[in-house]
């Protein structure tokens, strides 16, 4: 005597791949053709939707790349345009009794730390502090 329960799940049922896009309809041929057309057109629109989604993603990636390029150019221009000005401002503090080598070290430090350099340039001579 065998005991236990036997059941099949959907995964246990083997489907024939040849009939993947057809749906059986027990009517005349006209309706069968209509059902097959609907299934086929659904598959086509699904592919178009995927291509559209990929196109949108590609456009977004392209846009981000352009924006990163713009940011890199802006940083490069800031460095090129502000570095001589920063050097002049730091070296002008030599008058206040700071050693030339020390001021060069301060300049190197500020060039490597953009936010500190901006803050240094924004302050008046009275409020500028040398590290």
Protein backbone atom coordinates (compact mmCIF):
# COMPACT_ATOMS: atom_id res chain seq x y z
CA UNK A 1 0.00 0.00 0.00
CA UNK A 2 1.33 3.42 -0.93
CA UNK A 3 0.69 6.35 1.32
CA UNK A 4 1.34 10.04 0.79
CA UNK A 5 0.04 12.73 -1.40
CA UNK A 6 0.87 13.21 -5.01
CA UNK A 7 0.42 16.56 -6.63
CA UNK A 8 1.87 18.40 -9.58
CA UNK A 9 2.84 22.01 -9.58
CA UNK A 10 2.87 24.26 -12.62
CA UNK A 11 6.64 23.79 -12.85
CA UNK A 12 6.19 19.99 -13.18
CA UNK A 13 4.09 20.34 -16.33
CA UNK A 14 6.14 20.32 -19.53
CA UNK A 15 4.90 22.78 -22.12
CA UNK A 16 5.58 22.50 -25.82
CA UNK A 17 7.60 25.56 -26.93
CA UNK A 18 6.12 25.35 -30.43
CA UNK A 19 2.73 26.59 -29.22
CA UNK A 20 4.05 29.42 -27.10
CA UNK A 21 2.30 32.25 -28.97
CA UNK A 22 -0.96 30.47 -29.77
CA UNK A 23 -4.03 30.25 -27.59
CA UNK A 24 -6.52 27.43 -28.27
CA UNK A 25 -10.00 28.70 -29.03
CA UNK A 26 -12.90 26.37 -29.79
CA UNK A 27 -14.62 28.62 -32.33
CA UNK A 28 -14.45 29.22 -36.04
CA UNK A 29 -11.13 30.10 -37.72
CA UNK A 30 -11.77 33.84 -37.77
CA UNK A 31 -11.70 34.14 -33.98
CA UNK A 32 -8.64 31.87 -33.67
CA UNK A 33 -6.75 34.11 -36.09
CA UNK A 34 -7.84 37.19 -34.11
CA UNK A 35 -6.53 35.72 -30.83
CA UNK A 36 -3.18 34.79 -32.40
CA UNK A 37 -2.83 38.31 -33.82
CA UNK A 38 -3.45 39.84 -30.41
CA UNK A 39 -0.83 37.62 -28.78
CA UNK A 40 1.71 38.46 -31.50
CA UNK A 41 1.09 42.19 -31.34
CA UNK A 42 1.42 42.09 -27.54
CA UNK A 43 4.85 40.52 -27.92
CA UNK A 44 5.86 43.16 -30.45
CA UNK A 45 4.75 46.04 -28.23
CA UNK A 46 6.64 44.48 -25.33
CA UNK A 47 9.82 44.58 -27.41
CA UNK A 48 9.15 48.17 -28.45
CA UNK A 49 8.66 49.08 -24.79
CA UNK A 50 11.97 47.46 -23.90
CA UNK A 51 13.77 49.32 -26.70
CA UNK A 52 12.15 52.58 -25.59
CA UNK A 53 13.23 51.96 -22.00
CA UNK A 54 16.79 51.18 -23.13
CA UNK A 55 16.79 54.35 -25.21
CA UNK A 56 15.70 56.43 -22.22
CA UNK A 57 18.40 54.86 -20.05
CA UNK A 58 21.02 55.49 -22.75
CA UNK A 59 19.93 59.13 -23.00
CA UNK A 60 20.19 59.51 -19.22
CA UNK A 61 23.67 57.99 -19.20
CA UNK A 62 24.71 60.29 -22.04
CA UNK A 63 23.32 63.31 -20.14
CA UNK A 64 25.17 62.31 -16.94
CA UNK A 65 28.39 61.91 -18.90
CA UNK A 66 28.01 65.39 -20.37
CA UNK A 67 27.29 66.86 -16.93
CA UNK A 68 30.37 65.18 -15.44
CA UNK A 69 32.41 66.60 -18.30
CA UNK A 70 31.05 70.07 -17.58
CA UNK A 71 31.90 69.72 -13.89
CA UNK A 72 35.43 68.56 -14.72
CA UNK A 73 35.89 71.54 -17.06
CA UNK A 74 34.60 73.95 -14.41
CA UNK A 75 37.02 72.54 -11.84
CA UNK A 76 39.86 72.77 -14.33
CA UNK A 77 39.01 76.39 -15.12
CA UNK A 78 38.77 77.21 -11.42
CA UNK A 79 42.20 75.74 -10.84
CA UNK A 80 43.72 77.46 -13.87
CA UNK A 81 42.08 80.84 -13.22
CA UNK A 82 42.33 81.01 -9.43
CA UNK A 83 45.72 79.43 -8.78
CA UNK A 84 47.81 82.47 -9.78
CA UNK A 85 45.47 84.73 -7.81
CA UNK A 86 45.70 82.44 -4.76
CA UNK A 87 49.49 82.43 -5.04
CA UNK A 88 49.60 86.22 -5.12
CA UNK A 89 47.31 86.52 -2.11
CA UNK A 90 49.28 84.00 -0.04
CA UNK A 91 52.63 85.49 -0.95
CA UNK A 92 51.39 89.00 -0.10
CA UNK A 93 51.40 87.88 3.52
CA UNK A 94 55.20 87.84 3.38
CA UNK A 95 55.03 91.49 4.31
CA UNK A 96 53.52 90.50 7.64
CA UNK A 97 56.69 88.66 8.62
CA UNK A 98 56.08 85.14 7.29
CA UNK A 99 58.98 83.29 5.68
CA UNK A 100 58.83 82.76 1.89
CA UNK A 101 59.28 78.96 2.18
CA UNK A 102 56.53 78.78 4.79
CA UNK A 103 54.15 80.73 2.53
CA UNK A 104 54.94 78.38 -0.37
CA UNK A 105 53.96 75.45 1.89
CA UNK A 106 50.73 77.25 2.78
CA UNK A 107 50.02 77.81 -0.92
CA UNK A 108 50.62 74.10 -1.68
CA UNK A 109 48.29 73.16 1.17
CA UNK A 110 45.52 75.45 -0.10
CA UNK A 111 45.85 74.29 -3.72
CA UNK A 112 45.19 70.73 -2.53
CA UNK A 113 42.12 71.79 -0.53
CA UNK A 114 39.81 73.79 -2.74
CA UNK A 115 37.22 74.66 -0.08
CA UNK A 116 39.90 76.04 2.27
CA UNK A 117 41.40 78.03 -0.61
CA UNK A 118 38.00 79.56 -1.40
CA UNK A 119 37.50 80.47 2.25
CA UNK A 120 40.99 82.01 2.43
CA UNK A 121 40.34 84.15 -0.66
CA UNK A 122 36.93 85.25 0.58
CA UNK A 123 38.28 86.61 3.89
CA UNK A 124 39.73 90.06 4.33
CA UNK A 125 43.45 90.39 5.10
CA UNK A 126 42.58 91.07 8.72
CA UNK A 127 40.75 87.73 9.09
CA UNK A 128 43.10 85.48 7.15
CA UNK A 129 44.90 83.04 9.37
CA UNK A 130 47.94 81.08 8.41
CA UNK A 131 47.87 77.52 9.66
